[in-house]
Structure formats: C-alpha cells, structure tokens
Amino acid sequence: MQYRYKTRGTCAQEILFELDDDRRVHNIQFVGGCNGNTKGVAVLAEGLTADEIEEKLSGIRCGFKSTSCPDQLALAVQAAVRQATEA
C-alpha cells in the first residue's frame, strides 16, 4: 500500500513510500530536501523492514534541528505500520 507522510522540521515537505505485507518499505521518495542526501537515504532504506528503519534512522538529527529526513522517514514508517494494523 502507498503512504504519504507530511514531514515536520525538515527541508523535505513529505515522504512517499510503499509498505508491503511483510512490513518492508519500497519506492521511497522525498519531496524537497537535499536531493543527494534524500536519494541516498531512499536507496539505502529500500527493502528494509519497518523495524530495521526505526532501529537505524530514529533519532538522527540534522545540525541543530531536533529531527532530520532519515528520522522523519522512521516516523513515517511507524505511522504507516500503525495505520496498516488498524485497517
């Protein structure tokens, strides 16, 4: 299923991705943000499970900000898993 997450506190405005039945994340796209960095994060996170993304990316900060694009991806995936579980 495809998900759209509005980010908070980052240069990227939103994150688009798919979550499969095994809770693996695919086709990650950041809208806005640092082009090279967000493309790199998307490629590295491709095919990881929601738990793996949370473990690796949660809490990463960007400079003096309290969050980052990778941290926002972890939050987005957590929200998608909750939404999928409720459905």
N, C-alpha and C. Protein backbone atom coordinates (compact mmCIF):
# COMPACT_ATOMS: atom_id res chain seq x y z
N MET A 1 0.84 -1.17 0.00
CA MET A 1 0.00 0.00 0.00
C MET A 1 0.89 1.24 0.00
N GLN A 2 0.46 2.29 -0.68
CA GLN A 2 1.25 3.52 -0.75
C GLN A 2 0.84 4.48 0.37
N TYR A 3 1.85 5.14 0.92
CA TYR A 3 1.64 6.09 2.01
C TYR A 3 2.28 7.43 1.66
N ARG A 4 1.71 8.47 2.23
CA ARG A 4 2.21 9.84 2.08
C ARG A 4 2.31 10.42 3.48
N TYR A 5 3.47 10.94 3.83
CA TYR A 5 3.71 11.47 5.18
C TYR A 5 4.19 12.91 5.06
N LYS A 6 3.49 13.82 5.71
CA LYS A 6 3.90 15.23 5.77
C LYS A 6 4.95 15.37 6.86
N THR A 7 6.13 15.80 6.47
CA THR A 7 7.23 15.92 7.43
C THR A 7 7.09 17.18 8.28
N ARG A 8 7.81 17.19 9.40
CA ARG A 8 7.84 18.34 10.30
C ARG A 8 9.29 18.62 10.68
N GLY A 9 9.72 19.87 10.52
CA GLY A 9 11.04 20.26 10.98
C GLY A 9 12.18 19.95 10.03
N THR A 10 11.88 19.61 8.78
CA THR A 10 12.93 19.32 7.80
C THR A 10 12.70 20.11 6.53
N CYS A 11 13.71 20.12 5.69
CA CYS A 11 13.59 20.79 4.39
C CYS A 11 12.66 20.03 3.45
N ALA A 12 12.63 18.71 3.56
CA ALA A 12 11.70 17.90 2.77
C ALA A 12 10.29 18.17 3.29
N GLN A 13 9.34 18.30 2.37
CA GLN A 13 7.96 18.57 2.77
C GLN A 13 7.15 17.32 3.03
N GLU A 14 7.46 16.24 2.30
CA GLU A 14 6.73 14.99 2.51
C GLU A 14 7.56 13.81 2.01
N ILE A 15 7.10 12.62 2.42
CA ILE A 15 7.76 11.38 2.02
C ILE A 15 6.68 10.44 1.48
N LEU A 16 6.95 9.88 0.31
CA LEU A 16 6.07 8.90 -0.30
C LEU A 16 6.77 7.55 -0.27
N PHE A 17 6.04 6.49 0.03
CA PHE A 17 6.64 5.16 0.05
C PHE A 17 5.55 4.11 0.06
N GLU A 18 5.95 2.88 -0.19
CA GLU A 18 5.05 1.74 -0.13
C GLU A 18 5.47 0.83 1.00
N LEU A 19 4.49 0.23 1.65
CA LEU A 19 4.73 -0.74 2.72
C LEU A 19 4.04 -2.03 2.31
N ASP A 20 4.82 -3.13 2.19
CA ASP A 20 4.21 -4.38 1.76
C ASP A 20 3.69 -5.17 2.96
N ASP A 21 3.15 -6.33 2.68
CA ASP A 21 2.54 -7.16 3.74
C ASP A 21 3.55 -7.66 4.77
N ASP A 22 4.82 -7.71 4.37
CA ASP A 22 5.88 -8.14 5.28
C ASP A 22 6.50 -6.95 6.03
N ARG A 23 5.87 -5.79 5.91
CA ARG A 23 6.33 -4.54 6.53
C ARG A 23 7.69 -4.11 6.00
N ARG A 24 7.93 -4.40 4.73
CA ARG A 24 9.13 -3.91 4.05
C ARG A 24 8.77 -2.66 3.27
N VAL A 25 9.70 -1.73 3.25
CA VAL A 25 9.46 -0.42 2.63
C VAL A 25 10.08 -0.38 1.24
N HIS A 26 9.32 0.17 0.29
CA HIS A 26 9.77 0.23 -1.11
C HIS A 26 9.41 1.58 -1.72
N ASN A 27 10.12 1.91 -2.80
CA ASN A 27 9.82 3.09 -3.62
C ASN A 27 9.74 4.38 -2.81
N ILE A 28 10.74 4.62 -2.00
CA ILE A 28 10.79 5.80 -1.13
C ILE A 28 11.14 7.02 -1.96
N GLN A 29 10.36 8.08 -1.80
CA GLN A 29 10.63 9.34 -2.48
C GLN A 29 10.43 10.49 -1.49
N PHE A 30 11.42 11.35 -1.40
CA PHE A 30 11.31 12.56 -0.59
C PHE A 30 10.91 13.70 -1.52
N VAL A 31 10.00 14.52 -1.09
CA VAL A 31 9.62 15.71 -1.85
C VAL A 31 10.31 16.89 -1.17
N GLY A 32 11.28 17.48 -1.88
CA GLY A 32 12.08 18.55 -1.31
C GLY A 32 13.27 17.96 -0.55
N GLY A 33 13.95 18.82 0.16
CA GLY A 33 15.11 18.37 0.91
C GLY A 33 16.37 18.39 0.07
N CYS A 34 17.46 17.94 0.65
CA CYS A 34 18.76 17.89 -0.03
C CYS A 34 18.74 16.70 -0.99
N ASN A 35 18.71 16.99 -2.26
CA ASN A 35 18.48 15.97 -3.29
C ASN A 35 19.39 14.75 -3.16
N GLY A 36 20.67 14.94 -3.08
CA GLY A 36 21.59 13.81 -2.99
C GLY A 36 21.41 13.01 -1.72
N ASN A 37 21.25 13.71 -0.61
CA ASN A 37 21.09 13.02 0.68
C ASN A 37 19.80 12.22 0.74
N THR A 38 18.70 12.81 0.30
CA THR A 38 17.43 12.09 0.37
C THR A 38 17.40 10.91 -0.59
N LYS A 39 18.03 11.06 -1.77
CA LYS A 39 18.11 9.93 -2.69
C LYS A 39 18.96 8.81 -2.09
N GLY A 40 20.04 9.18 -1.40
CA GLY A 40 20.89 8.19 -0.75
C GLY A 40 20.16 7.44 0.34
N VAL A 41 19.44 8.17 1.18
CA VAL A 41 18.67 7.53 2.26
C VAL A 41 17.63 6.59 1.66
N ALA A 42 16.96 7.04 0.61
CA ALA A 42 15.92 6.23 -0.03
C ALA A 42 16.50 4.92 -0.57
N VAL A 43 17.64 4.98 -1.21
CA VAL A 43 18.27 3.78 -1.77
C VAL A 43 18.73 2.84 -0.65
N LEU A 44 19.34 3.40 0.38
CA LEU A 44 19.82 2.57 1.48
C LEU A 44 18.70 1.92 2.28
N ALA A 45 17.56 2.58 2.37
CA ALA A 45 16.44 2.04 3.14
C ALA A 45 15.54 1.11 2.33
N GLU A 46 15.72 1.09 1.02
CA GLU A 46 14.89 0.26 0.14
C GLU A 46 14.93 -1.20 0.59
N GLY A 47 13.74 -1.77 0.79
CA GLY A 47 13.62 -3.18 1.14
C GLY A 47 13.82 -3.52 2.60
N LEU A 48 14.19 -2.54 3.41
CA LEU A 48 14.33 -2.79 4.84
C LEU A 48 12.95 -2.93 5.48
N THR A 49 12.89 -3.63 6.59
CA THR A 49 11.62 -3.72 7.33
C THR A 49 11.40 -2.43 8.11
N ALA A 50 10.18 -2.23 8.53
CA ALA A 50 9.86 -1.06 9.35
C ALA A 50 10.71 -1.04 10.61
N ASP A 51 10.91 -2.19 11.23
CA ASP A 51 11.73 -2.26 12.45
C ASP A 51 13.19 -1.89 12.17
N GLU A 52 13.73 -2.36 11.05
CA GLU A 52 15.11 -2.03 10.69
C GLU A 52 15.28 -0.54 10.45
N ILE A 53 14.31 0.07 9.78
CA ILE A 53 14.38 1.50 9.53
C ILE A 53 14.32 2.27 10.83
N GLU A 54 13.41 1.89 11.71
CA GLU A 54 13.30 2.55 13.01
C GLU A 54 14.62 2.42 13.79
N GLU A 55 15.18 1.23 13.81
CA GLU A 55 16.42 0.99 14.55
C GLU A 55 17.58 1.82 14.00
N LYS A 56 17.69 1.92 12.69
CA LYS A 56 18.84 2.58 12.08
C LYS A 56 18.69 4.10 11.98
N LEU A 57 17.47 4.60 11.80
CA LEU A 57 17.29 6.01 11.45
C LEU A 57 16.66 6.88 12.53
N SER A 58 15.98 6.29 13.49
CA SER A 58 15.33 7.10 14.54
C SER A 58 16.36 7.88 15.34
N GLY A 59 16.03 9.13 15.58
CA GLY A 59 16.87 9.96 16.43
C GLY A 59 18.00 10.68 15.73
N ILE A 60 18.20 10.44 14.44
CA ILE A 60 19.24 11.17 13.71
C ILE A 60 18.82 12.63 13.62
N ARG A 61 19.76 13.51 13.90
CA ARG A 61 19.47 14.95 13.87
C ARG A 61 20.22 15.59 12.71
N CYS A 62 19.68 16.69 12.24
CA CYS A 62 20.30 17.47 11.16
C CYS A 62 20.76 18.80 11.77
N GLY A 63 22.06 18.92 11.97
CA GLY A 63 22.58 20.15 12.57
C GLY A 63 21.98 20.39 13.94
N PHE A 64 21.42 21.58 14.12
CA PHE A 64 20.81 21.93 15.40
C PHE A 64 19.33 21.59 15.47
N LYS A 65 18.79 21.01 14.41
CA LYS A 65 17.37 20.62 14.41
C LYS A 65 17.19 19.38 15.28
N SER A 66 15.99 19.21 15.77
CA SER A 66 15.70 18.06 16.63
C SER A 66 15.34 16.82 15.82
N THR A 67 15.35 16.93 14.50
CA THR A 67 14.99 15.82 13.62
C THR A 67 15.81 15.91 12.34
N SER A 68 15.54 15.03 11.40
CA SER A 68 16.22 15.01 10.10
C SER A 68 15.33 14.26 9.12
N CYS A 69 15.71 14.26 7.86
CA CYS A 69 14.95 13.48 6.88
C CYS A 69 14.97 11.99 7.20
N PRO A 70 16.11 11.40 7.58
CA PRO A 70 16.08 9.98 7.97
C PRO A 70 15.18 9.73 9.19
N ASP A 71 15.24 10.61 10.18
CA ASP A 71 14.38 10.47 11.36
C ASP A 71 12.91 10.58 10.96
N GLN A 72 12.59 11.49 10.06
CA GLN A 72 11.22 11.64 9.60
C GLN A 72 10.76 10.40 8.83
N LEU A 73 11.67 9.76 8.10
CA LEU A 73 11.31 8.50 7.43
C LEU A 73 10.96 7.44 8.46
N ALA A 74 11.73 7.35 9.53
CA ALA A 74 11.42 6.39 10.59
C ALA A 74 10.05 6.67 11.19
N LEU A 75 9.73 7.94 11.43
CA LEU A 75 8.41 8.30 11.96
C LEU A 75 7.31 7.97 10.97
N ALA A 76 7.57 8.22 9.68
CA ALA A 76 6.58 7.94 8.64
C ALA A 76 6.26 6.45 8.57
N VAL A 77 7.29 5.63 8.64
CA VAL A 77 7.10 4.19 8.58
C VAL A 77 6.35 3.68 9.81
N GLN A 78 6.69 4.23 10.97
CA GLN A 78 5.97 3.85 12.20
C GLN A 78 4.48 4.18 12.06
N ALA A 79 4.17 5.36 11.52
CA ALA A 79 2.77 5.77 11.33
C ALA A 79 2.07 4.85 10.35
N ALA A 80 2.76 4.45 9.28
CA ALA A 80 2.17 3.57 8.29
C ALA A 80 1.88 2.19 8.88
N VAL A 81 2.78 1.69 9.70
CA VAL A 81 2.55 0.38 10.34
C VAL A 81 1.33 0.46 11.26
N ARG A 82 1.22 1.54 12.02
CA ARG A 82 0.04 1.71 12.89
C ARG A 82 -1.22 1.75 12.05
N GLN A 83 -1.19 2.51 10.96
CA GLN A 83 -2.36 2.63 10.10
C GLN A 83 -2.72 1.28 9.48
N ALA A 84 -1.73 0.53 9.04
CA ALA A 84 -1.98 -0.78 8.42
C ALA A 84 -2.55 -1.77 9.45
N THR A 85 -2.08 -1.66 10.68
CA THR A 85 -2.54 -2.55 11.74
C THR A 85 -3.99 -2.27 12.10
N GLU A 86 -4.38 -1.00 12.05
CA GLU A 86 -5.75 -0.60 12.39
C GLU A 86 -6.74 -0.96 11.29
N ALA A 87 -6.26 -1.10 10.06
CA ALA A 87 -7.15 -1.35 8.93
C ALA A 87 -7.68 -2.75 8.90
